[in-house]
């Protein structure tokens, strides 16, 4: 899911997306169990809203992997459009999300918000579903 933080500090409603590609680029073993992608710039948001965002090409991403009490950073870029926080299991020796493609899940968005619900409408607050309020309230 993708949510946008509003200027008043509240969270908008979630739009459904899929991230896919050849692989997550785990190097020397390991397994991702959770991934949170934090978009920091307007360029990053526009890349996702472009319908087919390719990480590394349309938006820069820095990966921060956390697991078993160990924190590792790969490609840390303080000017990155996005930060990826990955909780992994097993041996960690690097992770890349380069080449991963983020696409909207139109069928899920339509099922949740009604037919014709665009990602821009959802993220702008023009489509709402109160069932998402517990998620929005739980976010810091």
C-alpha atoms as a PDB file:
ATOM      1  CA  UNK A   1       0.000   0.000   0.000  1.00  0.00           C
ATOM      2  CA  UNK A   2       1.065   3.593  -0.566  1.00  0.00           C
ATOM      3  CA  UNK A   3      -0.081   6.473   1.634  1.00  0.00           C
ATOM      4  CA  UNK A   4       0.836  10.155   1.488  1.00  0.00           C
ATOM      5  CA  UNK A   5       1.372  12.297   4.560  1.00  0.00           C
ATOM      6  CA  UNK A   6      -0.633  15.500   4.279  1.00  0.00           C
ATOM      7  CA  UNK A   7       0.696  18.959   5.070  1.00  0.00           C
ATOM      8  CA  UNK A   8      -1.304  18.961   8.334  1.00  0.00           C
ATOM      9  CA  UNK A   9       0.562  15.806   9.449  1.00  0.00           C
ATOM     10  CA  UNK A  10      -2.344  13.399   8.962  1.00  0.00           C
ATOM     11  CA  UNK A  11      -2.165  10.411   6.621  1.00  0.00           C
ATOM     12  CA  UNK A  12      -4.201  10.054   3.446  1.00  0.00           C
ATOM     13  CA  UNK A  13      -5.943   6.898   2.325  1.00  0.00           C
ATOM     14  CA  UNK A  14      -3.967   3.917   1.004  1.00  0.00           C
ATOM     15  CA  UNK A  15      -3.642   3.068  -2.670  1.00  0.00           C
ATOM     16  CA  UNK A  16      -2.676  -0.482  -3.595  1.00  0.00           C
ATOM     17  CA  UNK A  17       0.559  -1.087  -5.522  1.00  0.00           C
ATOM     18  CA  UNK A  18       2.711  -4.044  -6.515  1.00  0.00           C
ATOM     19  CA  UNK A  19       6.506  -4.105  -6.537  1.00  0.00           C
ATOM     20  CA  UNK A  20       7.969  -6.700  -8.867  1.00  0.00           C
ATOM     21  CA  UNK A  21      11.105  -7.479 -10.792  1.00  0.00           C
ATOM     22  CA  UNK A  22      13.586 -10.223 -11.485  1.00  0.00           C
ATOM     23  CA  UNK A  23      14.560 -10.403  -7.799  1.00  0.00           C
ATOM     24  CA  UNK A  24      15.144  -8.233  -4.782  1.00  0.00           C
ATOM     25  CA  UNK A  25      18.863  -8.674  -5.317  1.00  0.00           C
ATOM     26  CA  UNK A  26      19.701 -10.379  -2.042  1.00  0.00           C
ATOM     27  CA  UNK A  27      23.390 -11.069  -2.006  1.00  0.00           C
ATOM     28  CA  UNK A  28      25.008 -13.957  -0.083  1.00  0.00           C
ATOM     29  CA  UNK A  29      21.869 -15.462   1.394  1.00  0.00           C
ATOM     30  CA  UNK A  30      19.089 -13.962   3.417  1.00  0.00           C
ATOM     31  CA  UNK A  31      15.368 -13.480   3.061  1.00  0.00           C
ATOM     32  CA  UNK A  32      13.276 -10.312   3.245  1.00  0.00           C
ATOM     33  CA  UNK A  33      10.308 -10.626   5.548  1.00  0.00           C
ATOM     34  CA  UNK A  34       9.171  -6.978   5.580  1.00  0.00           C
ATOM     35  CA  UNK A  35       9.864  -3.961   3.392  1.00  0.00           C
ATOM     36  CA  UNK A  36       8.813  -0.354   4.008  1.00  0.00           C
ATOM     37  CA  UNK A  37       9.518   2.144   1.258  1.00  0.00           C
ATOM     38  CA  UNK A  38       9.486   5.776   2.422  1.00  0.00           C
ATOM     39  CA  UNK A  39       9.175   8.324  -0.385  1.00  0.00           C
ATOM     40  CA  UNK A  40      10.881  11.583   0.563  1.00  0.00           C
ATOM     41  CA  UNK A  41      10.639  13.802  -2.519  1.00  0.00           C
ATOM     42  CA  UNK A  42       8.075  15.055  -4.997  1.00  0.00           C
ATOM     43  CA  UNK A  43      10.165  13.337  -7.707  1.00  0.00           C
ATOM     44  CA  UNK A  44       9.668  10.022  -5.906  1.00  0.00           C
ATOM     45  CA  UNK A  45       5.917  10.542  -5.575  1.00  0.00           C
ATOM     46  CA  UNK A  46       5.591  11.539  -9.229  1.00  0.00           C
ATOM     47  CA  UNK A  47       7.607   8.468 -10.255  1.00  0.00           C
ATOM     48  CA  UNK A  48       5.147   6.214  -8.429  1.00  0.00           C
ATOM     49  CA  UNK A  49       2.164   8.089  -9.847  1.00  0.00           C
ATOM     50  CA  UNK A  50       3.597   7.713 -13.370  1.00  0.00           C
ATOM     51  CA  UNK A  51       2.060   4.201 -13.309  1.00  0.00           C
ATOM     52  CA  UNK A  52       5.282   2.241 -13.877  1.00  0.00           C
ATOM     53  CA  UNK A  53       8.107   3.500 -11.662  1.00  0.00           C
ATOM     54  CA  UNK A  54      11.445   1.722 -11.975  1.00  0.00           C
ATOM     55  CA  UNK A  55      13.597   2.048  -8.872  1.00  0.00           C
ATOM     56  CA  UNK A  56      17.049   3.332  -9.676  1.00  0.00           C
ATOM     57  CA  UNK A  57      15.922   4.808 -13.006  1.00  0.00           C
ATOM     58  CA  UNK A  58      12.846   6.919 -12.199  1.00  0.00           C
ATOM     59  CA  UNK A  59      13.736   7.452  -8.534  1.00  0.00           C
ATOM     60  CA  UNK A  60      16.866   6.934  -6.445  1.00  0.00           C
ATOM     61  CA  UNK A  61      16.510   4.534  -3.518  1.00  0.00           C
ATOM     62  CA  UNK A  62      18.763   3.973  -0.509  1.00  0.00           C
ATOM     63  CA  UNK A  63      18.384   0.661   1.332  1.00  0.00           C
ATOM     64  CA  UNK A  64      18.606   0.281   5.110  1.00  0.00           C
ATOM     65  CA  UNK A  65      18.397  -3.358   6.191  1.00  0.00           C
ATOM     66  CA  UNK A  66      17.600  -4.269   9.778  1.00  0.00           C
ATOM     67  CA  UNK A  67      17.542  -7.804  11.166  1.00  0.00           C
ATOM     68  CA  UNK A  68      18.791  -9.873  14.090  1.00  0.00           C
ATOM     69  CA  UNK A  69      19.925  -6.714  15.869  1.00  0.00           C
ATOM     70  CA  UNK A  70      22.161  -5.722  12.956  1.00  0.00           C
ATOM     71  CA  UNK A  71      21.717  -2.667  10.816  1.00  0.00           C
ATOM     72  CA  UNK A  72      23.332  -2.366   7.400  1.00  0.00           C
ATOM     73  CA  UNK A  73      23.138   0.361   4.821  1.00  0.00           C
ATOM     74  CA  UNK A  74      23.735  -0.166   1.138  1.00  0.00           C
ATOM     75  CA  UNK A  75      24.049   2.696  -1.308  1.00  0.00           C
ATOM     76  CA  UNK A  76      23.228   5.228   1.434  1.00  0.00           C
ATOM     77  CA  UNK A  77      22.358   8.452  -0.295  1.00  0.00           C
ATOM     78  CA  UNK A  78      21.221  11.388   1.816  1.00  0.00           C
ATOM     79  CA  UNK A  79      19.574  12.901  -1.261  1.00  0.00           C
ATOM     80  CA  UNK A  80      17.656   9.742  -2.178  1.00  0.00           C
ATOM     81  CA  UNK A  81      14.088  10.065  -3.400  1.00  0.00           C
ATOM     82  CA  UNK A  82      13.179   6.979  -1.368  1.00  0.00           C
ATOM     83  CA  UNK A  83      14.491   5.016   1.591  1.00  0.00           C
ATOM     84  CA  UNK A  84      13.779   1.302   1.822  1.00  0.00           C
ATOM     85  CA  UNK A  85      13.769  -0.260   5.276  1.00  0.00           C
ATOM     86  CA  UNK A  86      14.063  -4.040   4.958  1.00  0.00           C
ATOM     87  CA  UNK A  87      13.792  -6.448   7.859  1.00  0.00           C
ATOM     88  CA  UNK A  88      15.562  -9.581   6.800  1.00  0.00           C
ATOM     89  CA  UNK A  89      16.174 -13.057   8.124  1.00  0.00           C
ATOM     90  CA  UNK A  90      19.376 -14.991   7.682  1.00  0.00           C
ATOM     91  CA  UNK A  91      22.785 -13.769   6.627  1.00  0.00           C
ATOM     92  CA  UNK A  92      22.778 -10.257   5.190  1.00  0.00           C
ATOM     93  CA  UNK A  93      25.514  -9.135   2.849  1.00  0.00           C
ATOM     94  CA  UNK A  94      23.769  -6.609   0.670  1.00  0.00           C
ATOM     95  CA  UNK A  95      20.419  -5.831  -0.891  1.00  0.00           C
ATOM     96  CA  UNK A  96      19.462  -3.925  -3.992  1.00  0.00           C
ATOM     97  CA  UNK A  97      16.075  -2.796  -5.230  1.00  0.00           C
ATOM     98  CA  UNK A  98      17.450  -1.388  -8.494  1.00  0.00           C
ATOM     99  CA  UNK A  99      15.222  -2.347 -11.397  1.00  0.00           C
ATOM    100  CA  UNK A 100      12.178  -3.160  -9.266  1.00  0.00           C
ATOM    101  CA  UNK A 101       9.011  -1.800 -10.876  1.00  0.00           C
ATOM    102  CA  UNK A 102       6.157  -0.317  -8.842  1.00  0.00           C
ATOM    103  CA  UNK A 103       2.742  -0.490 -10.514  1.00  0.00           C
ATOM    104  CA  UNK A 104      -0.767   0.329  -9.288  1.00  0.00           C
ATOM    105  CA  UNK A 105      -3.148  -2.520  -8.530  1.00  0.00           C
ATOM    106  CA  UNK A 106      -6.220  -1.142 -10.272  1.00  0.00           C
ATOM    107  CA  UNK A 107      -8.443  -4.121  -9.460  1.00  0.00           C
ATOM    108  CA  UNK A 108      -7.680  -3.854  -5.735  1.00  0.00           C
ATOM    109  CA  UNK A 109      -8.165  -0.085  -5.738  1.00  0.00           C
ATOM    110  CA  UNK A 110     -11.519  -0.529  -7.526  1.00  0.00           C
ATOM    111  CA  UNK A 111     -12.602  -3.259  -5.107  1.00  0.00           C
ATOM    112  CA  UNK A 112     -11.736  -1.075  -2.104  1.00  0.00           C
ATOM    113  CA  UNK A 113     -12.876   2.361  -3.356  1.00  0.00           C
ATOM    114  CA  UNK A 114     -15.311   1.601  -6.184  1.00  0.00           C
ATOM    115  CA  UNK A 115     -14.896   1.510  -9.944  1.00  0.00           C
ATOM    116  CA  UNK A 116     -12.989   4.351 -11.540  1.00  0.00           C
ATOM    117  CA  UNK A 117     -10.893   5.088  -8.448  1.00  0.00           C
ATOM    118  CA  UNK A 118      -7.557   6.408  -9.706  1.00  0.00           C
ATOM    119  CA  UNK A 119      -4.404   6.404  -7.609  1.00  0.00           C
ATOM    120  CA  UNK A 120      -4.226  10.210  -7.812  1.00  0.00           C
ATOM    121  CA  UNK A 121      -7.828  10.516  -6.576  1.00  0.00           C
ATOM    122  CA  UNK A 122      -7.133   8.154  -3.681  1.00  0.00           C
ATOM    123  CA  UNK A 123      -3.895   9.844  -2.638  1.00  0.00           C
ATOM    124  CA  UNK A 124      -5.459  13.312  -2.990  1.00  0.00           C
ATOM    125  CA  UNK A 125      -8.317  12.293  -0.682  1.00  0.00           C
ATOM    126  CA  UNK A 126     -11.019  12.413  -3.351  1.00  0.00           C
ATOM    127  CA  UNK A 127     -11.771   8.714  -2.690  1.00  0.00           C
ATOM    128  CA  UNK A 128     -12.043   7.460   0.880  1.00  0.00           C
ATOM    129  CA  UNK A 129     -12.812   4.230   2.680  1.00  0.00           C
ATOM    130  CA  UNK A 130     -13.308   4.560   6.429  1.00  0.00           C
ATOM    131  CA  UNK A 131     -12.135   0.954   6.878  1.00  0.00           C
ATOM    132  CA  UNK A 132      -8.602   2.353   6.444  1.00  0.00           C
ATOM    133  CA  UNK A 133      -8.949   4.734   9.408  1.00  0.00           C
ATOM    134  CA  UNK A 134      -7.346   2.316  11.928  1.00  0.00           C
ATOM    135  CA  UNK A 135      -4.252   2.057   9.686  1.00  0.00           C
ATOM    136  CA  UNK A 136      -4.077   5.833   9.268  1.00  0.00           C
ATOM    137  CA  UNK A 137      -4.430   6.358  13.028  1.00  0.00           C
ATOM    138  CA  UNK A 138      -1.714   3.798  13.823  1.00  0.00           C
ATOM    139  CA  UNK A 139       0.953   5.568  11.751  1.00  0.00           C
ATOM    140  CA  UNK A 140       3.167   8.099  13.544  1.00  0.00           C
END
